């Protein structure tokens, strides 16, 4: 768990884009973020693409094309803090569609900005770590399925039992210093090629 000093340090390292009209509310937000010590840029309306180094966006959701916002924000996986004037059904839907990590209401005041800023960055970081874990699990499951299919192919082609087929696959991966899934893909591809050519793939028995 991050301590108070680490939270503040993280906020100061943030590279923020404020997408808000240059009015009193926008000036209040920009000035407060600069006082925190983070790098701040401002723009209005939403640009065609985000600056590549931006990791946090304060977005005035009214008068913003949500689909366009989703396209450019998803590419960089930034933390999103939505800014709303009214809690209208349209604004609430935009917040949900954007999967905003934090929300602040207008008129903007310094009180509350820091809390939503810290919460949004924490949530975005947590979601990123969680997505990474899910991806690793999916890759592991995919590799396991490939290995199982390759073991089955080796049993058919070479007449091996399951343990021997698995050992052969593992030994080949070890000797070539590659993942077992890589060898498994080659075996499956070879079996598919033989099938497509109409060749027999069953192990021959001795007379």
N, C-alpha and C. Protein backbone atom coordinates (compact mmCIF):
# COMPACT_ATOMS: atom_id res chain seq x y z
N UNK A 1 0.85 -1.20 0.00
CA UNK A 1 0.00 0.00 0.00
C UNK A 1 0.88 1.25 0.00
N UNK A 2 0.55 2.20 -0.86
CA UNK A 2 1.34 3.42 -0.97
C UNK A 2 1.11 4.31 0.24
N UNK A 3 2.21 4.88 0.78
CA UNK A 3 2.11 5.82 1.89
C UNK A 3 1.79 7.21 1.38
N UNK A 4 1.47 8.13 2.31
CA UNK A 4 1.11 9.50 1.91
C UNK A 4 2.17 10.18 1.06
N UNK A 5 3.44 10.02 1.41
CA UNK A 5 4.49 10.69 0.64
C UNK A 5 4.58 10.13 -0.77
N UNK A 6 4.37 8.82 -0.92
CA UNK A 6 4.42 8.22 -2.26
C UNK A 6 3.26 8.69 -3.11
N UNK A 7 2.09 8.90 -2.50
CA UNK A 7 0.93 9.39 -3.24
C UNK A 7 1.21 10.78 -3.79
N UNK A 8 1.76 11.64 -2.96
CA UNK A 8 2.07 13.01 -3.39
C UNK A 8 3.14 12.99 -4.47
N UNK A 9 4.16 12.15 -4.29
CA UNK A 9 5.21 12.05 -5.30
C UNK A 9 4.65 11.58 -6.64
N UNK A 10 3.72 10.65 -6.59
CA UNK A 10 3.10 10.15 -7.82
C UNK A 10 2.34 11.27 -8.53
N UNK A 11 1.62 12.08 -7.77
CA UNK A 11 0.86 13.18 -8.36
C UNK A 11 1.80 14.21 -8.99
N UNK A 12 2.90 14.45 -8.35
CA UNK A 12 3.85 15.44 -8.88
C UNK A 12 4.53 14.94 -10.15
N UNK A 13 4.59 13.64 -10.33
CA UNK A 13 5.18 13.09 -11.55
C UNK A 13 4.19 13.03 -12.70
N UNK A 14 2.93 13.31 -12.41
CA UNK A 14 1.89 13.18 -13.43
C UNK A 14 2.08 14.18 -14.56
N UNK A 15 1.70 13.75 -15.75
CA UNK A 15 1.70 14.62 -16.93
C UNK A 15 0.24 14.77 -17.35
N UNK A 16 -0.31 15.93 -17.07
CA UNK A 16 -1.75 16.15 -17.12
C UNK A 16 -2.15 16.98 -18.34
N UNK A 17 -3.27 16.57 -18.94
CA UNK A 17 -3.89 17.38 -19.98
C UNK A 17 -5.27 17.78 -19.48
N UNK A 18 -5.53 19.08 -19.43
CA UNK A 18 -6.84 19.60 -19.03
C UNK A 18 -7.60 19.95 -20.30
N UNK A 19 -8.69 19.23 -20.52
CA UNK A 19 -9.53 19.48 -21.71
C UNK A 19 -10.77 20.20 -21.21
N UNK A 20 -10.70 21.52 -21.23
CA UNK A 20 -11.75 22.35 -20.63
C UNK A 20 -11.68 23.74 -21.26
N UNK A 21 -12.83 24.39 -21.47
CA UNK A 21 -12.78 25.77 -21.97
C UNK A 21 -11.95 26.66 -21.05
N UNK A 22 -11.26 27.65 -21.62
CA UNK A 22 -10.44 28.55 -20.81
C UNK A 22 -11.33 29.62 -20.18
N UNK A 23 -11.97 29.21 -19.09
CA UNK A 23 -12.81 30.12 -18.33
C UNK A 23 -12.34 30.10 -16.88
N UNK A 24 -13.14 30.65 -15.98
CA UNK A 24 -12.72 30.72 -14.58
C UNK A 24 -12.51 29.34 -13.98
N UNK A 25 -13.41 28.40 -14.28
CA UNK A 25 -13.26 27.04 -13.77
C UNK A 25 -11.97 26.39 -14.29
N UNK A 26 -11.72 26.56 -15.57
CA UNK A 26 -10.51 26.00 -16.14
C UNK A 26 -9.26 26.59 -15.52
N UNK A 27 -9.28 27.88 -15.28
CA UNK A 27 -8.12 28.53 -14.67
C UNK A 27 -7.89 28.05 -13.24
N UNK A 28 -8.97 27.85 -12.49
CA UNK A 28 -8.86 27.35 -11.12
C UNK A 28 -8.21 25.97 -11.11
N UNK A 29 -8.66 25.11 -12.01
CA UNK A 29 -8.13 23.74 -12.07
C UNK A 29 -6.65 23.75 -12.47
N UNK A 30 -6.32 24.48 -13.50
CA UNK A 30 -4.93 24.52 -13.98
C UNK A 30 -4.01 25.08 -12.90
N UNK A 31 -4.43 26.16 -12.25
CA UNK A 31 -3.58 26.77 -11.22
C UNK A 31 -3.36 25.81 -10.05
N UNK A 32 -4.40 25.08 -9.66
CA UNK A 32 -4.27 24.17 -8.53
C UNK A 32 -3.35 23.00 -8.88
N UNK A 33 -3.47 22.47 -10.07
CA UNK A 33 -2.61 21.38 -10.49
C UNK A 33 -1.15 21.82 -10.57
N UNK A 34 -0.92 23.03 -11.03
CA UNK A 34 0.45 23.53 -11.09
C UNK A 34 1.03 23.73 -9.70
N UNK A 35 0.19 24.13 -8.75
CA UNK A 35 0.67 24.28 -7.37
C UNK A 35 1.10 22.95 -6.79
N UNK A 36 0.47 21.87 -7.24
CA UNK A 36 0.85 20.54 -6.77
C UNK A 36 2.22 20.13 -7.31
N UNK A 37 2.64 20.77 -8.40
CA UNK A 37 3.96 20.49 -8.94
C UNK A 37 3.98 19.58 -10.14
N UNK A 38 2.81 19.20 -10.67
CA UNK A 38 2.80 18.31 -11.83
C UNK A 38 2.83 19.13 -13.13
N UNK A 39 3.19 18.45 -14.19
CA UNK A 39 3.24 19.08 -15.51
C UNK A 39 1.82 19.18 -16.06
N UNK A 40 1.42 20.39 -16.46
CA UNK A 40 0.04 20.61 -16.89
C UNK A 40 0.01 21.29 -18.26
N UNK A 41 -0.83 20.75 -19.13
CA UNK A 41 -1.13 21.40 -20.40
C UNK A 41 -2.64 21.52 -20.53
N UNK A 42 -3.09 22.49 -21.29
CA UNK A 42 -4.52 22.73 -21.43
C UNK A 42 -4.89 22.86 -22.90
N UNK A 43 -6.09 22.39 -23.22
CA UNK A 43 -6.58 22.50 -24.59
C UNK A 43 -8.10 22.47 -24.59
N UNK A 44 -8.66 23.05 -25.59
CA UNK A 44 -10.11 22.97 -25.85
C UNK A 44 -10.34 23.35 -27.30
N UNK A 45 -11.11 22.54 -28.02
CA UNK A 45 -11.81 21.31 -27.62
C UNK A 45 -10.86 20.11 -27.57
N UNK A 46 -11.44 18.94 -27.45
CA UNK A 46 -10.64 17.71 -27.41
C UNK A 46 -9.88 17.57 -28.72
N UNK A 47 -8.56 17.38 -28.65
CA UNK A 47 -7.75 17.28 -29.88
C UNK A 47 -7.96 15.94 -30.58
N UNK A 48 -7.53 15.84 -31.84
CA UNK A 48 -7.64 14.56 -32.57
C UNK A 48 -6.88 13.42 -31.91
N UNK A 49 -5.81 13.76 -31.21
CA UNK A 49 -5.02 12.74 -30.50
C UNK A 49 -4.40 13.37 -29.26
N UNK A 50 -4.16 12.55 -28.25
CA UNK A 50 -3.54 13.04 -27.03
C UNK A 50 -2.03 13.15 -27.23
N UNK A 51 -1.39 14.09 -26.57
CA UNK A 51 0.08 14.09 -26.57
C UNK A 51 0.58 12.75 -26.05
N UNK A 52 1.61 12.19 -26.65
CA UNK A 52 2.02 10.81 -26.32
C UNK A 52 2.47 10.60 -24.88
N UNK A 53 2.89 11.66 -24.19
CA UNK A 53 3.39 11.48 -22.83
C UNK A 53 2.34 11.75 -21.76
N UNK A 54 1.13 12.08 -22.14
CA UNK A 54 0.08 12.38 -21.17
C UNK A 54 -0.39 11.10 -20.49
N UNK A 55 -0.51 11.13 -19.14
CA UNK A 55 -1.00 9.95 -18.43
C UNK A 55 -2.26 10.22 -17.62
N UNK A 56 -2.71 11.49 -17.56
CA UNK A 56 -3.93 11.84 -16.84
C UNK A 56 -4.68 12.92 -17.61
N UNK A 57 -5.99 12.76 -17.75
CA UNK A 57 -6.80 13.73 -18.47
C UNK A 57 -7.96 14.18 -17.60
N UNK A 58 -8.05 15.50 -17.40
CA UNK A 58 -9.24 16.10 -16.81
C UNK A 58 -10.12 16.53 -17.98
N UNK A 59 -11.29 15.91 -18.11
CA UNK A 59 -12.10 16.09 -19.31
C UNK A 59 -13.47 16.66 -18.99
N UNK A 60 -13.74 17.83 -19.55
CA UNK A 60 -15.07 18.44 -19.47
C UNK A 60 -15.97 17.65 -20.42
N UNK A 61 -16.87 16.81 -19.86
CA UNK A 61 -17.58 15.83 -20.68
C UNK A 61 -18.71 16.44 -21.51
N UNK A 62 -19.18 17.63 -21.12
CA UNK A 62 -20.22 18.25 -21.92
C UNK A 62 -19.62 18.81 -23.21
N UNK A 63 -20.37 18.68 -24.29
CA UNK A 63 -19.92 19.15 -25.61
C UNK A 63 -18.71 18.37 -26.12
N UNK A 64 -18.55 17.15 -25.66
CA UNK A 64 -17.46 16.27 -26.12
C UNK A 64 -18.07 15.05 -26.78
N UNK A 65 -17.53 14.68 -27.94
CA UNK A 65 -17.98 13.47 -28.63
C UNK A 65 -17.37 12.28 -27.89
N UNK A 66 -18.22 11.54 -27.18
CA UNK A 66 -17.74 10.47 -26.30
C UNK A 66 -17.01 9.37 -27.07
N UNK A 67 -17.53 9.00 -28.24
CA UNK A 67 -16.88 7.93 -29.01
C UNK A 67 -15.47 8.33 -29.42
N UNK A 68 -15.31 9.59 -29.83
CA UNK A 68 -13.97 10.07 -30.19
C UNK A 68 -13.06 10.07 -28.97
N UNK A 69 -13.60 10.53 -27.84
CA UNK A 69 -12.81 10.55 -26.60
C UNK A 69 -12.35 9.14 -26.23
N UNK A 70 -13.25 8.16 -26.36
CA UNK A 70 -12.89 6.79 -26.04
C UNK A 70 -11.78 6.27 -26.94
N UNK A 71 -11.85 6.59 -28.21
CA UNK A 71 -10.85 6.11 -29.17
C UNK A 71 -9.45 6.57 -28.80
N UNK A 72 -9.31 7.87 -28.51
CA UNK A 72 -7.97 8.40 -28.27
C UNK A 72 -7.48 8.12 -26.86
N UNK A 73 -8.41 7.99 -25.91
CA UNK A 73 -8.01 7.74 -24.53
C UNK A 73 -7.60 6.28 -24.34
N UNK A 74 -8.35 5.35 -24.97
CA UNK A 74 -8.04 3.93 -24.83
C UNK A 74 -6.67 3.58 -25.38
N UNK A 75 -6.22 4.32 -26.39
CA UNK A 75 -4.92 4.04 -26.98
C UNK A 75 -3.79 4.22 -25.98
N UNK A 76 -3.96 5.16 -25.03
CA UNK A 76 -2.89 5.46 -24.08
C UNK A 76 -3.17 5.00 -22.67
N UNK A 77 -4.39 4.50 -22.43
CA UNK A 77 -4.75 4.00 -21.09
C UNK A 77 -4.46 5.06 -20.02
N UNK A 78 -4.99 6.24 -20.23
CA UNK A 78 -4.78 7.32 -19.28
C UNK A 78 -5.82 7.28 -18.17
N UNK A 79 -5.49 7.90 -17.05
CA UNK A 79 -6.47 8.11 -15.99
C UNK A 79 -7.40 9.24 -16.43
N UNK A 80 -8.71 9.07 -16.21
CA UNK A 80 -9.69 10.04 -16.66
C UNK A 80 -10.45 10.59 -15.46
N UNK A 81 -10.43 11.93 -15.33
CA UNK A 81 -11.27 12.60 -14.34
C UNK A 81 -12.29 13.43 -15.10
N UNK A 82 -13.56 13.03 -15.00
CA UNK A 82 -14.62 13.74 -15.71
C UNK A 82 -15.01 15.01 -14.94
N UNK A 83 -15.28 16.06 -15.69
CA UNK A 83 -15.75 17.32 -15.12
C UNK A 83 -17.17 17.55 -15.61
N UNK A 84 -18.10 17.74 -14.68
CA UNK A 84 -19.50 17.91 -15.06
C UNK A 84 -20.07 19.18 -14.44
N UNK A 85 -21.03 19.76 -15.14
CA UNK A 85 -21.73 20.93 -14.61
C UNK A 85 -23.01 20.51 -13.92
N UNK A 86 -23.75 19.62 -14.55
CA UNK A 86 -25.00 19.11 -13.99
C UNK A 86 -24.97 17.59 -14.02
N UNK A 87 -25.63 16.98 -13.04
CA UNK A 87 -25.72 15.51 -13.00
C UNK A 87 -26.91 15.07 -13.85
N UNK A 88 -26.86 15.44 -15.12
CA UNK A 88 -27.93 15.09 -16.05
C UNK A 88 -27.74 13.66 -16.53
N UNK A 89 -28.81 13.04 -17.05
CA UNK A 89 -28.67 11.69 -17.59
C UNK A 89 -27.59 11.61 -18.67
N UNK A 90 -27.46 12.65 -19.49
CA UNK A 90 -26.45 12.65 -20.53
C UNK A 90 -25.04 12.66 -19.94
N UNK A 91 -24.84 13.50 -18.93
CA UNK A 91 -23.53 13.57 -18.28
C UNK A 91 -23.20 12.26 -17.59
N UNK A 92 -24.18 11.68 -16.90
CA UNK A 92 -23.95 10.40 -16.21
C UNK A 92 -23.61 9.29 -17.20
N UNK A 93 -24.29 9.29 -18.35
CA UNK A 93 -24.00 8.28 -19.35
C UNK A 93 -22.60 8.45 -19.91
N UNK A 94 -22.19 9.70 -20.10
CA UNK A 94 -20.83 9.96 -20.60
C UNK A 94 -19.79 9.47 -19.60
N UNK A 95 -20.03 9.70 -18.32
CA UNK A 95 -19.10 9.24 -17.28
C UNK A 95 -18.96 7.73 -17.31
N UNK A 96 -20.10 7.04 -17.45
CA UNK A 96 -20.09 5.58 -17.49
C UNK A 96 -19.40 5.07 -18.75
N UNK A 97 -19.75 5.66 -19.89
CA UNK A 97 -19.17 5.21 -21.16
C UNK A 97 -17.65 5.41 -21.17
N UNK A 98 -17.20 6.50 -20.57
CA UNK A 98 -15.76 6.77 -20.53
C UNK A 98 -15.04 5.95 -19.47
N UNK A 99 -15.83 5.28 -18.61
CA UNK A 99 -15.24 4.56 -17.48
C UNK A 99 -14.32 5.49 -16.69
N UNK A 100 -14.85 6.67 -16.38
CA UNK A 100 -14.07 7.68 -15.69
C UNK A 100 -13.58 7.15 -14.35
N UNK A 101 -12.33 7.47 -14.03
CA UNK A 101 -11.74 7.02 -12.77
C UNK A 101 -12.04 7.97 -11.62
N UNK A 102 -12.54 9.16 -11.95
CA UNK A 102 -12.89 10.15 -10.93
C UNK A 102 -13.84 11.17 -11.54
N UNK A 103 -14.53 11.91 -10.69
CA UNK A 103 -15.49 12.92 -11.15
C UNK A 103 -15.42 14.13 -10.25
N UNK A 104 -15.38 15.32 -10.86
CA UNK A 104 -15.48 16.57 -10.09
C UNK A 104 -16.57 17.43 -10.71
N UNK A 105 -17.26 18.16 -9.84
CA UNK A 105 -18.40 18.97 -10.28
C UNK A 105 -18.05 20.46 -10.30
N UNK A 106 -18.67 21.17 -11.21
CA UNK A 106 -18.52 22.61 -11.30
C UNK A 106 -19.62 23.28 -10.48
N UNK A 107 -19.34 24.48 -9.95
CA UNK A 107 -18.11 25.26 -10.10
C UNK A 107 -16.93 24.61 -9.37
N UNK A 108 -15.76 24.64 -10.02
CA UNK A 108 -14.59 23.98 -9.47
C UNK A 108 -14.00 24.77 -8.32
N UNK A 109 -13.62 24.03 -7.29
CA UNK A 109 -12.95 24.59 -6.13
C UNK A 109 -11.74 23.70 -5.82
N UNK A 110 -10.68 24.26 -5.28
CA UNK A 110 -9.50 23.43 -4.97
C UNK A 110 -9.83 22.22 -4.10
N UNK A 111 -10.76 22.39 -3.14
CA UNK A 111 -11.12 21.29 -2.26
C UNK A 111 -11.78 20.16 -3.06
N UNK A 112 -11.20 18.99 -3.03
CA UNK A 112 -11.75 17.83 -3.72
C UNK A 112 -10.99 17.43 -4.96
N UNK A 113 -10.29 18.38 -5.55
CA UNK A 113 -9.54 18.06 -6.78
C UNK A 113 -8.42 17.05 -6.48
N UNK A 114 -7.69 17.29 -5.41
CA UNK A 114 -6.58 16.41 -5.05
C UNK A 114 -7.07 14.98 -4.80
N UNK A 115 -8.19 14.87 -4.09
CA UNK A 115 -8.73 13.54 -3.78
C UNK A 115 -9.09 12.77 -5.04
N UNK A 116 -9.80 13.42 -5.94
CA UNK A 116 -10.21 12.76 -7.18
C UNK A 116 -9.00 12.46 -8.07
N UNK A 117 -8.02 13.35 -8.05
CA UNK A 117 -6.79 13.16 -8.81
C UNK A 117 -6.06 11.91 -8.34
N UNK A 118 -5.87 11.80 -7.04
CA UNK A 118 -5.17 10.64 -6.48
C UNK A 118 -5.96 9.36 -6.69
N UNK A 119 -7.27 9.43 -6.47
CA UNK A 119 -8.11 8.24 -6.63
C UNK A 119 -8.09 7.76 -8.08
N UNK A 120 -8.18 8.68 -9.02
CA UNK A 120 -8.21 8.32 -10.44
C UNK A 120 -6.92 7.64 -10.86
N UNK A 121 -5.80 8.18 -10.42
CA UNK A 121 -4.51 7.58 -10.80
C UNK A 121 -4.35 6.20 -10.15
N UNK A 122 -4.81 6.04 -8.92
CA UNK A 122 -4.74 4.74 -8.27
C UNK A 122 -5.61 3.72 -9.01
N UNK A 123 -6.84 4.12 -9.34
CA UNK A 123 -7.76 3.21 -10.03
C UNK A 123 -7.22 2.80 -11.39
N UNK A 124 -6.67 3.77 -12.13
CA UNK A 124 -6.12 3.45 -13.44
C UNK A 124 -4.94 2.50 -13.33
N UNK A 125 -4.08 2.74 -12.34
CA UNK A 125 -2.92 1.87 -12.12
C UNK A 125 -3.37 0.46 -11.73
N UNK A 126 -4.38 0.37 -10.88
CA UNK A 126 -4.90 -0.93 -10.46
C UNK A 126 -5.50 -1.68 -11.65
N UNK A 127 -6.29 -0.97 -12.47
CA UNK A 127 -6.89 -1.61 -13.64
C UNK A 127 -5.83 -2.11 -14.61
N UNK A 128 -4.75 -1.33 -14.75
CA UNK A 128 -3.67 -1.73 -15.64
C UNK A 128 -2.99 -3.00 -15.13
N UNK A 129 -2.72 -3.05 -13.80
CA UNK A 129 -2.11 -4.25 -13.24
C UNK A 129 -3.04 -5.45 -13.39
N UNK A 130 -4.32 -5.23 -13.15
CA UNK A 130 -5.30 -6.31 -13.26
C UNK A 130 -5.38 -6.82 -14.70
N UNK A 131 -5.38 -5.91 -15.66
CA UNK A 131 -5.42 -6.31 -17.07
C UNK A 131 -4.18 -7.12 -17.43
N UNK A 132 -3.03 -6.74 -16.87
CA UNK A 132 -1.80 -7.48 -17.12
C UNK A 132 -1.89 -8.90 -16.59
N UNK A 133 -2.46 -9.05 -15.39
CA UNK A 133 -2.61 -10.38 -14.81
C UNK A 133 -3.56 -11.24 -15.63
N UNK A 134 -4.65 -10.63 -16.09
CA UNK A 134 -5.62 -11.36 -16.91
C UNK A 134 -4.98 -11.82 -18.21
N UNK A 135 -4.18 -10.93 -18.82
CA UNK A 135 -3.50 -11.29 -20.06
C UNK A 135 -2.54 -12.45 -19.85
N UNK A 136 -1.80 -12.43 -18.74
CA UNK A 136 -0.88 -13.54 -18.45
C UNK A 136 -1.63 -14.84 -18.25
N UNK A 137 -2.77 -14.78 -17.56
CA UNK A 137 -3.58 -15.98 -17.35
C UNK A 137 -4.10 -16.52 -18.68
N UNK A 138 -4.55 -15.61 -19.55
CA UNK A 138 -5.05 -16.03 -20.86
C UNK A 138 -3.93 -16.67 -21.68
N UNK A 139 -2.73 -16.10 -21.61
CA UNK A 139 -1.60 -16.67 -22.33
C UNK A 139 -1.23 -18.05 -21.78
N UNK A 140 -1.31 -18.19 -20.45
CA UNK A 140 -1.01 -19.48 -19.83
C UNK A 140 -2.01 -20.54 -20.25
N UNK A 141 -3.30 -20.17 -20.25
CA UNK A 141 -4.34 -21.11 -20.66
C UNK A 141 -4.19 -21.48 -22.14
N UNK A 142 -3.85 -20.49 -22.97
CA UNK A 142 -3.64 -20.77 -24.39
C UNK A 142 -2.48 -21.73 -24.59
N UNK A 143 -1.38 -21.49 -23.86
CA UNK A 143 -0.22 -22.36 -23.96
C UNK A 143 -0.56 -23.77 -23.51
N UNK A 144 -1.33 -23.87 -22.44
CA UNK A 144 -1.70 -25.20 -21.92
C UNK A 144 -2.54 -25.96 -22.93
N UNK A 145 -3.47 -25.25 -23.59
CA UNK A 145 -4.30 -25.91 -24.61
C UNK A 145 -3.45 -26.38 -25.79
N UNK A 146 -2.48 -25.55 -26.19
CA UNK A 146 -1.59 -25.93 -27.28
C UNK A 146 -0.79 -27.18 -26.93
N UNK A 147 -0.26 -27.20 -25.69
CA UNK A 147 0.52 -28.36 -25.25
C UNK A 147 -0.34 -29.62 -25.24
N UNK A 148 -1.56 -29.50 -24.74
CA UNK A 148 -2.45 -30.66 -24.69
C UNK A 148 -2.75 -31.17 -26.10
N UNK A 149 -2.97 -30.23 -27.03
CA UNK A 149 -3.26 -30.63 -28.41
C UNK A 149 -2.04 -31.27 -29.05
N UNK A 150 -0.85 -30.72 -28.77
CA UNK A 150 0.37 -31.29 -29.34
C UNK A 150 0.66 -32.67 -28.77
N UNK A 151 0.42 -32.86 -27.48
CA UNK A 151 0.60 -34.18 -26.86
C UNK A 151 -0.32 -35.20 -27.53
N UNK A 152 -1.55 -34.78 -27.78
CA UNK A 152 -2.50 -35.67 -28.45
C UNK A 152 -2.01 -36.00 -29.86
N UNK A 153 -1.45 -34.99 -30.56
CA UNK A 153 -0.93 -35.23 -31.91
C UNK A 153 0.24 -36.20 -31.89
N UNK A 154 1.14 -36.04 -30.92
CA UNK A 154 2.29 -36.94 -30.82
C UNK A 154 1.86 -38.37 -30.52
N UNK A 155 0.83 -38.52 -29.73
CA UNK A 155 0.33 -39.85 -29.42
C UNK A 155 -0.19 -40.54 -30.68
N UNK A 156 -0.88 -39.74 -31.52
CA UNK A 156 -1.43 -40.31 -32.75
C UNK A 156 -0.32 -40.60 -33.75
N UNK A 157 0.60 -39.63 -33.93
CA UNK A 157 1.63 -39.77 -34.96
C UNK A 157 2.71 -40.77 -34.59
N UNK A 158 3.08 -40.82 -33.30
CA UNK A 158 4.22 -41.65 -32.90
C UNK A 158 3.83 -42.85 -32.05
N UNK A 159 2.55 -42.97 -31.77
CA UNK A 159 2.12 -44.11 -30.98
C UNK A 159 2.63 -44.08 -29.55
N UNK A 160 2.80 -42.87 -28.99
CA UNK A 160 3.31 -42.73 -27.63
C UNK A 160 2.17 -42.64 -26.62
N UNK A 161 2.49 -43.01 -25.38
CA UNK A 161 1.50 -42.75 -24.35
C UNK A 161 1.61 -41.28 -23.93
N UNK A 162 0.67 -40.83 -23.11
CA UNK A 162 0.60 -39.41 -22.77
C UNK A 162 1.87 -38.91 -22.08
N UNK A 163 2.39 -39.68 -21.13
CA UNK A 163 3.58 -39.26 -20.39
C UNK A 163 4.79 -39.15 -21.31
N UNK A 164 4.95 -40.12 -22.20
CA UNK A 164 6.09 -40.10 -23.12
C UNK A 164 5.98 -38.94 -24.12
N UNK A 165 4.76 -38.68 -24.59
CA UNK A 165 4.55 -37.57 -25.53
C UNK A 165 4.86 -36.24 -24.87
N UNK A 166 4.42 -36.10 -23.63
CA UNK A 166 4.68 -34.86 -22.90
C UNK A 166 6.18 -34.68 -22.65
N UNK A 167 6.86 -35.77 -22.29
CA UNK A 167 8.30 -35.71 -22.04
C UNK A 167 9.07 -35.33 -23.32
N UNK A 168 8.64 -35.89 -24.45
CA UNK A 168 9.29 -35.56 -25.72
C UNK A 168 9.12 -34.07 -26.04
N UNK A 169 7.94 -33.58 -25.83
CA UNK A 169 7.65 -32.16 -26.07
C UNK A 169 8.49 -31.27 -25.15
N UNK A 170 8.54 -31.65 -23.89
CA UNK A 170 9.31 -30.87 -22.92
C UNK A 170 10.80 -30.90 -23.23
N UNK A 171 11.31 -32.07 -23.58
CA UNK A 171 12.74 -32.20 -23.89
C UNK A 171 13.12 -31.38 -25.12
N UNK A 172 12.26 -31.36 -26.12
CA UNK A 172 12.52 -30.57 -27.32
C UNK A 172 12.56 -29.07 -26.99
N UNK A 173 11.63 -28.64 -26.15
CA UNK A 173 11.59 -27.23 -25.75
C UNK A 173 12.84 -26.86 -24.96
N UNK A 174 13.28 -27.76 -24.09
CA UNK A 174 14.48 -27.51 -23.27
C UNK A 174 15.73 -27.43 -24.14
N UNK A 175 15.85 -28.38 -25.08
CA UNK A 175 17.05 -28.42 -25.91
C UNK A 175 17.13 -27.21 -26.84
N UNK A 176 15.99 -26.73 -27.29
CA UNK A 176 15.97 -25.58 -28.20
C UNK A 176 15.84 -24.25 -27.44
N UNK A 177 15.66 -24.35 -26.12
CA UNK A 177 15.54 -23.17 -25.26
C UNK A 177 14.40 -22.24 -25.70
N UNK A 178 13.27 -22.84 -25.94
CA UNK A 178 12.06 -22.10 -26.31
C UNK A 178 10.91 -22.60 -25.44
N UNK A 179 9.83 -21.82 -25.32
CA UNK A 179 8.68 -22.30 -24.55
C UNK A 179 8.07 -23.55 -25.16
N UNK A 180 7.46 -24.37 -24.32
CA UNK A 180 6.81 -25.58 -24.81
C UNK A 180 5.72 -25.25 -25.83
N UNK A 181 5.07 -24.11 -25.64
CA UNK A 181 3.99 -23.73 -26.56
C UNK A 181 4.52 -23.53 -27.98
N UNK A 182 5.76 -23.06 -28.11
CA UNK A 182 6.35 -22.86 -29.44
C UNK A 182 6.54 -24.19 -30.15
N UNK A 183 7.07 -25.19 -29.43
CA UNK A 183 7.22 -26.53 -30.01
C UNK A 183 5.86 -27.11 -30.32
N UNK A 184 4.91 -26.89 -29.42
CA UNK A 184 3.56 -27.42 -29.61
C UNK A 184 2.94 -26.87 -30.89
N UNK A 185 3.13 -25.58 -31.14
CA UNK A 185 2.57 -24.98 -32.36
C UNK A 185 3.16 -25.62 -33.60
N UNK A 186 4.46 -25.91 -33.57
CA UNK A 186 5.11 -26.55 -34.72
C UNK A 186 4.55 -27.94 -34.97
N UNK A 187 4.34 -28.69 -33.89
CA UNK A 187 3.80 -30.05 -34.02
C UNK A 187 2.39 -30.01 -34.57
N UNK A 188 1.58 -29.10 -34.06
CA UNK A 188 0.19 -28.98 -34.52
C UNK A 188 0.15 -28.57 -35.98
N UNK A 189 1.04 -27.62 -36.35
CA UNK A 189 1.10 -27.18 -37.74
C UNK A 189 1.50 -28.33 -38.66
N UNK A 190 2.46 -29.15 -38.21
CA UNK A 190 2.89 -30.30 -39.02
C UNK A 190 1.75 -31.29 -39.20
N UNK A 191 1.01 -31.53 -38.12
CA UNK A 191 -0.12 -32.46 -38.22
C UNK A 191 -1.18 -31.91 -39.17
N UNK A 192 -1.47 -30.61 -39.08
CA UNK A 192 -2.47 -30.00 -39.96
C UNK A 192 -2.03 -30.07 -41.42
N UNK A 193 -0.72 -29.88 -41.66
CA UNK A 193 -0.21 -29.95 -43.03
C UNK A 193 -0.37 -31.37 -43.59
N UNK A 194 -0.04 -32.35 -42.79
CA UNK A 194 -0.18 -33.74 -43.24
C UNK A 194 -1.64 -34.08 -43.53
N UNK A 195 -2.53 -33.59 -42.70
CA UNK A 195 -3.96 -33.83 -42.93
C UNK A 195 -4.41 -33.20 -44.23
N UNK A 196 -3.95 -31.95 -44.47
CA UNK A 196 -4.37 -31.23 -45.68
C UNK A 196 -3.85 -31.91 -46.95
N UNK A 197 -2.72 -32.62 -46.84
CA UNK A 197 -2.15 -33.34 -47.99
C UNK A 197 -2.70 -34.75 -48.12
N UNK A 198 -3.55 -35.13 -47.19
CA UNK A 198 -4.14 -36.45 -47.23
C UNK A 198 -3.19 -37.55 -46.83
N UNK A 199 -2.16 -37.20 -46.08
CA UNK A 199 -1.17 -38.20 -45.65
C UNK A 199 -1.61 -38.86 -44.35
N UNK A 200 -1.20 -40.09 -44.20
CA UNK A 200 -1.52 -40.82 -42.98
C UNK A 200 -0.67 -40.26 -41.85
N UNK A 201 -1.31 -40.04 -40.72
CA UNK A 201 -0.57 -39.50 -39.58
C UNK A 201 -0.53 -40.45 -38.40
N UNK A 202 -1.08 -41.60 -38.56
CA UNK A 202 -1.05 -42.57 -37.47
C UNK A 202 0.26 -43.31 -37.42
N UNK A 203 0.68 -43.73 -36.23
CA UNK A 203 1.93 -44.49 -36.09
C UNK A 203 1.79 -45.84 -36.76
N UNK A 204 2.81 -46.25 -37.51
CA UNK A 204 2.80 -47.54 -38.17
C UNK A 204 3.22 -48.64 -37.17
N UNK A 205 2.58 -49.74 -37.27
CA UNK A 205 2.94 -50.87 -36.41
C UNK A 205 3.84 -51.83 -37.17
N UNK A 206 4.71 -52.48 -36.44
CA UNK A 206 5.63 -53.45 -37.06
C UNK A 206 4.89 -54.73 -37.36
N UNK A 207 5.14 -55.35 -38.52
CA UNK A 207 4.44 -56.62 -38.85
C UNK A 207 4.90 -57.72 -37.93
